[in-house]
Amino acid sequence: MTRVLEQAAPAIPGPHRPGTVVVGFDGSAPAWPALYWAAAEAVGTGRRLQVLSVIRWPQPELGGLRLPPGVGDLDRTRRTATASLGAAAAHCREAFPGVHVTPAVVRGTPVDVLSQLAMESGLLVLGASGQTAAAQVLLGSSAAEVLRRVTTTVVVVRGVPTHRRGTAGRVVVGVDTSPDGDRALRHAMAVAARRGCEVVAVHACLDLPLAALAGSEDVDQGRLRADGAALLAARLLAVRETYPQVLVHPVVAIDHPAQALLDHAAGADLVVVGRKGRARTSGAAPGSVTHAVAHYAPCPVAVVGES
């Protein structure tokens, strides 16, 4: 049964407690891969799945327009959303037997509702764009704003990975020396273990001396790679014992971290990045590497926060 709630997030009781996977669903084409990704994550982790449709109402921008009858009818909009969510929940139960899914229609501002539920649940899954996304927009405005606001883990889903028969999937993760980087690595290993994937652990050597950046000093790429390999090996050592079944491919790149990750993103099941990494920016906004990967990766991206 689909619940219909008239208030925004603070009035929503129940299953979006910590440990619940929350997925935003608006019935658009990009919403379906996000729904299936969230359902698989819920089943794999033994968590409940909350499928949420947010109705933004009222819509004053529609006033005075000569729209077809019913476009400005809240009851009709609610019924349409409820029917769409019911179908989505039924598909989830059929495709993922045993999943505990609760659909709910909420009246409020999508970004506000989804941001609050992300903070409360610890894991929010979104499609990369929604019903209003133009082809040239790589990350929808709602998804981008949610990523800017929240500090917990958000997965933005675009693309559907395809595997050749007999091959494992891939989880790509950016590894650095920050606490966010360590959280991202643990998240990537856990996902790979659950889904039977291999991990490509990418460390980009970015700490070049000023003289090298100015072009007045040659870069010893061999030394940079050796230092990067040592750092990466030390980071991986801390997680290999917990996930001995996961095959890890370490990669050291002398490149910008975002580009290094995007080079390995094609065909991946997931790219995992820390929210800020080594960025020293203030506030909740993600770092530049995370921003670039979330916008340009052709596959699902997990932005790992503090939960």
Protein backbone atom coordinates (compact mmCIF):
# COMPACT_ATOMS: atom_id res chain seq x y z
CA MET A 1 0.00 0.00 0.00
CA THR A 2 1.30 3.46 -0.90
CA ARG A 3 1.14 6.03 1.87
CA VAL A 4 0.07 9.57 0.98
CA LEU A 5 1.42 12.25 3.29
CA GLU A 6 0.50 15.91 3.21
CA GLN A 7 3.50 17.30 5.05
CA ALA A 8 7.15 17.51 4.17
CA ALA A 9 9.88 15.31 5.64
CA PRO A 10 9.51 16.12 9.39
CA ALA A 11 6.04 14.51 9.46
CA ILE A 12 7.07 11.26 7.74
CA PRO A 13 7.07 8.49 10.34
CA GLY A 14 8.73 5.13 10.32
CA PRO A 15 10.92 3.32 7.89
CA HIS A 16 13.36 6.04 6.81
CA ARG A 17 15.24 5.58 10.08
CA PRO A 18 19.02 4.98 9.95
CA GLY A 19 19.60 1.74 8.12
CA THR A 20 16.96 2.42 5.48
CA VAL A 21 17.77 2.93 1.80
CA VAL A 22 15.78 5.90 0.51
CA VAL A 23 15.29 6.37 -3.23
CA GLY A 24 13.64 9.32 -4.93
CA PHE A 25 11.27 8.24 -7.69
CA ASP A 26 9.38 10.52 -10.09
CA GLY A 27 8.43 8.01 -12.78
CA SER A 28 10.96 9.36 -15.30
CA ALA A 29 13.28 7.11 -17.30
CA PRO A 30 16.36 7.96 -15.16
CA ALA A 31 14.42 7.07 -12.00
CA TRP A 32 14.09 3.38 -12.86
CA PRO A 33 17.80 2.45 -12.81
CA ALA A 34 18.08 4.34 -9.51
CA LEU A 35 15.15 2.35 -8.12
CA TYR A 36 16.69 -0.99 -9.11
CA TRP A 37 20.11 0.02 -7.78
CA ALA A 38 18.55 0.99 -4.45
CA ALA A 39 16.55 -2.25 -4.26
CA ALA A 40 19.65 -4.35 -4.86
CA GLU A 41 21.47 -2.40 -2.15
CA ALA A 42 18.59 -2.87 0.29
CA VAL A 43 18.49 -6.63 -0.32
CA GLY A 44 22.28 -6.95 -0.13
CA THR A 45 22.50 -5.10 3.17
CA GLY A 46 19.29 -6.41 4.73
CA ARG A 47 17.80 -2.92 4.98
CA ARG A 48 14.35 -1.61 4.21
CA LEU A 49 13.68 0.32 1.02
CA GLN A 50 11.73 3.58 1.13
CA VAL A 51 10.53 4.66 -2.34
CA LEU A 52 9.57 8.31 -2.22
CA SER A 53 7.69 10.56 -4.64
CA VAL A 54 7.63 14.27 -3.74
CA ILE A 55 4.83 16.45 -5.06
CA ARG A 56 5.82 20.11 -5.17
CA TRP A 57 2.62 21.99 -4.46
CA PRO A 58 1.36 24.64 -4.98
CA GLN A 59 2.95 25.52 -8.31
CA PRO A 60 2.35 29.26 -8.75
CA GLU A 61 4.23 29.34 -12.05
CA LEU A 62 1.27 27.51 -13.62
CA GLY A 63 -1.16 30.29 -12.76
CA GLY A 64 -2.57 32.14 -15.76
CA LEU A 65 -1.41 29.52 -18.26
CA ARG A 66 -3.91 27.88 -20.57
CA LEU A 67 -3.15 24.32 -19.56
CA PRO A 68 -5.27 21.22 -20.21
CA PRO A 69 -7.87 20.42 -17.52
CA GLY A 70 -6.40 18.41 -14.67
CA VAL A 71 -2.85 19.72 -14.89
CA GLY A 72 -3.44 21.96 -11.87
CA ASP A 73 -5.47 19.38 -9.93
CA LEU A 74 -3.69 18.26 -6.74
CA ASP A 75 -5.90 15.18 -6.27
CA ARG A 76 -5.23 14.01 -9.80
CA THR A 77 -1.49 14.62 -9.40
CA ARG A 78 -1.53 12.67 -6.15
CA ARG A 79 -3.42 9.75 -7.73
CA THR A 80 -0.98 9.64 -10.63
CA ALA A 81 2.02 9.61 -8.29
CA THR A 82 0.43 6.94 -6.10
CA ALA A 83 -0.25 4.69 -9.09
CA SER A 84 3.30 5.19 -10.39
CA LEU A 85 4.78 4.33 -7.00
CA GLY A 86 2.56 1.27 -6.67
CA ALA A 87 3.84 -0.04 -10.00
CA ALA A 88 7.43 0.72 -8.99
CA ALA A 89 7.04 -1.15 -5.69
CA ALA A 90 5.51 -4.14 -7.48
CA HIS A 91 8.44 -4.26 -9.92
CA CYS A 92 10.88 -4.17 -6.99
CA ARG A 93 9.16 -7.03 -5.18
CA GLU A 94 9.15 -9.12 -8.36
CA ALA A 95 12.76 -8.42 -9.29
CA PHE A 96 14.14 -8.59 -5.74
CA PRO A 97 12.23 -11.22 -3.74
CA GLY A 98 12.33 -10.52 -0.03
CA VAL A 99 12.84 -6.78 -0.32
CA HIS A 100 10.87 -4.82 2.28
CA VAL A 101 9.66 -1.83 0.27
CA THR A 102 7.48 1.02 1.48
CA PRO A 103 6.25 3.57 -1.12
CA ALA A 104 5.16 7.03 0.03
CA VAL A 105 3.89 10.17 -1.69
CA VAL A 106 4.97 13.35 0.07
CA ARG A 107 3.87 16.92 -0.52
CA GLY A 108 6.76 19.36 -0.23
CA THR A 109 9.84 20.73 -1.97
CA PRO A 110 11.82 17.80 -3.46
CA VAL A 111 15.27 19.10 -2.54
CA ASP A 112 14.23 19.90 1.04
CA VAL A 113 12.50 16.56 1.59
CA LEU A 114 15.23 14.44 0.00
CA SER A 115 18.03 16.32 1.76
CA GLN A 116 16.47 15.77 5.16
CA LEU A 117 15.79 12.10 4.51
CA ALA A 118 19.36 11.65 3.32
CA MET A 119 20.61 12.97 6.64
CA GLU A 120 18.21 10.76 8.59
CA SER A 121 18.60 7.51 6.68
CA GLY A 122 22.31 7.61 5.89
CA LEU A 123 21.87 6.48 2.26
CA LEU A 124 19.93 8.26 -0.47
CA VAL A 125 19.76 7.06 -4.08
CA LEU A 126 18.81 9.41 -6.92
CA GLY A 127 18.60 9.32 -10.68
CA ALA A 128 21.14 11.60 -12.36
CA SER A 129 18.32 13.71 -13.80
CA GLY A 130 14.55 13.83 -13.56
CA GLN A 131 11.57 14.70 -15.67
CA THR A 132 12.78 18.19 -16.55
CA ALA A 133 16.34 17.32 -17.51
CA ALA A 134 17.51 18.40 -20.94
CA ALA A 135 19.84 16.14 -22.89
CA GLN A 136 22.84 18.39 -22.30
CA VAL A 137 22.38 18.51 -18.52
CA LEU A 138 24.71 15.93 -17.01
CA LEU A 139 23.39 16.18 -13.46
CA GLY A 140 19.85 17.35 -12.75
CA SER A 141 19.38 20.45 -10.62
CA SER A 142 17.70 18.54 -7.78
CA ALA A 143 20.45 15.92 -7.57
CA ALA A 144 23.14 18.59 -7.72
CA GLU A 145 21.51 20.62 -4.94
CA VAL A 146 21.05 17.55 -2.72
CA LEU A 147 24.73 16.71 -3.16
CA ARG A 148 25.63 20.26 -2.22
CA ARG A 149 23.58 20.16 0.98
CA VAL A 150 23.94 16.78 2.62
CA THR A 151 26.95 15.28 4.36
CA THR A 152 25.81 11.64 4.39
CA THR A 153 26.18 9.14 1.56
CA VAL A 154 24.35 9.80 -1.72
CA VAL A 155 24.40 7.54 -4.78
CA VAL A 156 23.65 9.17 -8.14
CA VAL A 157 22.69 6.54 -10.70
CA ARG A 158 23.17 6.92 -14.43
CA GLY A 159 23.85 4.24 -16.98
CA VAL A 160 23.29 0.51 -16.62
CA PRO A 161 26.53 -1.54 -16.52
CA THR A 162 26.64 -4.56 -18.82
CA HIS A 163 28.97 -7.47 -18.18
CA ARG A 164 30.19 -10.10 -20.55
CA ARG A 165 29.18 -13.54 -19.37
CA GLY A 166 31.76 -14.94 -16.95
CA THR A 167 33.26 -11.56 -16.08
CA ALA A 168 32.97 -9.72 -12.79
CA GLY A 169 31.76 -6.18 -12.38
CA ARG A 170 34.01 -3.30 -11.33
CA VAL A 171 33.88 -0.80 -8.51
CA VAL A 172 36.26 2.13 -9.01
CA VAL A 173 37.37 4.09 -5.95
CA GLY A 174 39.53 7.15 -5.43
CA VAL A 175 42.12 6.61 -2.69
CA ASP A 176 43.95 9.40 -0.86
CA THR A 177 45.18 10.16 2.66
CA SER A 178 42.04 11.88 3.94
CA PRO A 179 39.41 10.45 6.31
CA ASP A 180 36.90 10.80 3.46
CA GLY A 181 39.21 8.73 1.26
CA ASP A 182 39.36 5.97 3.86
CA ARG A 183 35.55 5.96 4.16
CA ALA A 184 35.24 5.77 0.37
CA LEU A 185 37.62 2.82 0.21
CA ARG A 186 35.74 0.89 2.91
CA HIS A 187 32.45 1.63 1.16
CA ALA A 188 33.80 0.43 -2.20
CA MET A 189 35.14 -2.80 -0.72
CA ALA A 190 31.84 -3.52 1.04
CA VAL A 191 29.81 -2.95 -2.15
CA ALA A 192 32.21 -5.09 -4.18
CA ALA A 193 32.00 -7.92 -1.65
CA ARG A 194 28.20 -7.89 -1.71
CA ARG A 195 27.88 -7.67 -5.47
CA GLY A 196 30.74 -9.95 -6.49
CA CYS A 197 32.75 -7.16 -8.13
CA GLU A 198 36.44 -6.42 -8.44
CA VAL A 199 37.84 -3.12 -7.16
CA VAL A 200 40.00 -0.69 -9.12
CA ALA A 201 41.70 1.47 -6.49
CA VAL A 202 42.99 4.69 -8.09
CA HIS A 203 45.51 7.01 -6.47
CA ALA A 204 46.46 10.15 -8.39
CA CYS A 205 49.83 11.78 -7.67
CA LEU A 206 49.01 15.47 -7.44
CA ASP A 207 51.68 16.78 -5.05
CA LEU A 208 54.13 18.18 -7.57
CA PRO A 209 56.79 20.68 -6.49
CA LEU A 210 56.18 24.28 -7.47
CA ALA A 211 59.24 24.27 -9.68
CA ALA A 212 57.85 21.33 -11.64
CA LEU A 213 54.49 23.04 -12.02
CA ALA A 214 56.29 26.11 -13.36
CA GLY A 215 58.18 23.94 -15.86
CA SER A 216 61.61 24.79 -14.47
CA GLU A 217 62.22 21.35 -12.99
CA ASP A 218 61.75 17.92 -14.50
CA VAL A 219 59.38 15.56 -12.75
CA ASP A 220 60.81 12.22 -11.65
CA GLN A 221 57.79 10.17 -12.65
CA GLY A 222 59.40 6.96 -11.47
CA ARG A 223 59.77 8.34 -7.95
CA LEU A 224 56.23 9.72 -8.01
CA ARG A 225 54.84 6.37 -9.04
CA ALA A 226 56.85 4.52 -6.42
CA ASP A 227 55.71 6.88 -3.68
CA GLY A 228 52.12 6.62 -4.88
CA ALA A 229 52.29 2.83 -5.00
CA ALA A 230 53.61 2.71 -1.44
CA LEU A 231 50.85 5.00 -0.21
CA LEU A 232 48.19 2.99 -2.02
CA ALA A 233 49.52 -0.32 -0.69
CA ALA A 234 49.41 1.00 2.87
CA ARG A 235 45.80 2.17 2.45
CA LEU A 236 44.74 -1.14 0.92
CA LEU A 237 46.44 -3.17 3.64
CA ALA A 238 43.98 -1.80 6.18
CA VAL A 239 40.94 -3.19 4.30
CA ARG A 240 42.20 -6.34 2.57
CA GLU A 241 41.93 -8.44 5.74
CA THR A 242 38.26 -7.48 6.15
CA TYR A 243 37.42 -8.32 2.52
CA PRO A 244 39.89 -11.05 1.48
CA GLN A 245 37.54 -12.31 -1.25
CA VAL A 246 37.64 -9.03 -3.19
CA LEU A 247 40.16 -8.83 -6.01
CA VAL A 248 41.80 -5.38 -6.00
CA HIS A 249 43.65 -3.76 -8.91
CA PRO A 250 45.80 -0.85 -7.65
CA VAL A 251 46.33 2.01 -10.13
CA VAL A 252 48.74 4.91 -9.69
CA ALA A 253 48.15 7.82 -12.07
CA ILE A 254 50.13 11.01 -12.58
CA ASP A 255 47.11 13.06 -13.42
CA HIS A 256 44.33 15.11 -11.90
CA PRO A 257 42.31 12.82 -9.58
CA ALA A 258 39.00 13.47 -11.35
CA GLN A 259 40.46 12.63 -14.75
CA ALA A 260 42.14 9.52 -13.38
CA LEU A 261 38.83 8.28 -12.01
CA LEU A 262 36.88 9.15 -15.16
CA ASP A 263 39.44 7.23 -17.24
CA HIS A 264 38.35 4.06 -15.43
CA ALA A 265 34.64 4.83 -15.10
CA ALA A 266 33.38 3.56 -18.47
CA GLY A 267 31.50 0.31 -17.92
CA ALA A 268 32.00 0.36 -14.15
CA ASP A 269 29.22 -0.68 -11.80
CA LEU A 270 30.06 2.16 -9.46
CA VAL A 271 32.59 4.93 -8.87
CA VAL A 272 33.13 5.77 -5.20
CA VAL A 273 34.54 9.09 -4.01
CA GLY A 274 34.83 10.77 -0.64
CA ARG A 275 32.68 13.83 -0.18
CA LYS A 276 35.55 16.29 0.11
CA GLY A 277 38.67 14.16 -0.10
CA ARG A 278 41.66 16.37 0.53
CA ALA A 279 39.76 19.55 -0.32
CA ARG A 280 39.94 22.25 2.34
CA THR A 281 36.66 23.90 1.38
CA SER A 282 34.32 24.97 4.14
CA GLY A 283 30.64 24.13 4.46
CA ALA A 284 28.78 21.09 3.13
CA ALA A 285 29.59 21.49 -0.58
CA PRO A 286 31.56 18.59 -2.09
CA GLY A 287 35.12 19.05 -3.30
CA SER A 288 36.01 19.73 -6.91
CA VAL A 289 36.98 16.12 -7.66
CA THR A 290 33.67 14.82 -6.32
CA HIS A 291 31.79 17.52 -8.23
CA ALA A 292 33.48 16.60 -11.51
CA VAL A 293 33.01 12.85 -11.11
CA ALA A 294 29.34 13.18 -10.13
CA HIS A 295 28.67 15.31 -13.22
CA TYR A 296 30.70 13.44 -15.83
CA ALA A 297 31.00 9.76 -14.86
CA PRO A 298 28.96 7.57 -17.25
CA CYS A 299 28.02 5.18 -14.43
CA PRO A 300 26.57 5.28 -10.89
CA VAL A 301 28.57 7.40 -8.44
CA ALA A 302 28.59 7.03 -4.65
CA VAL A 303 29.55 10.20 -2.78
CA VAL A 304 30.48 8.83 0.62
CA GLY A 305 29.80 11.02 3.61
CA GLU A 306 30.15 10.67 7.35
CA SER A 307 27.62 7.90 7.89
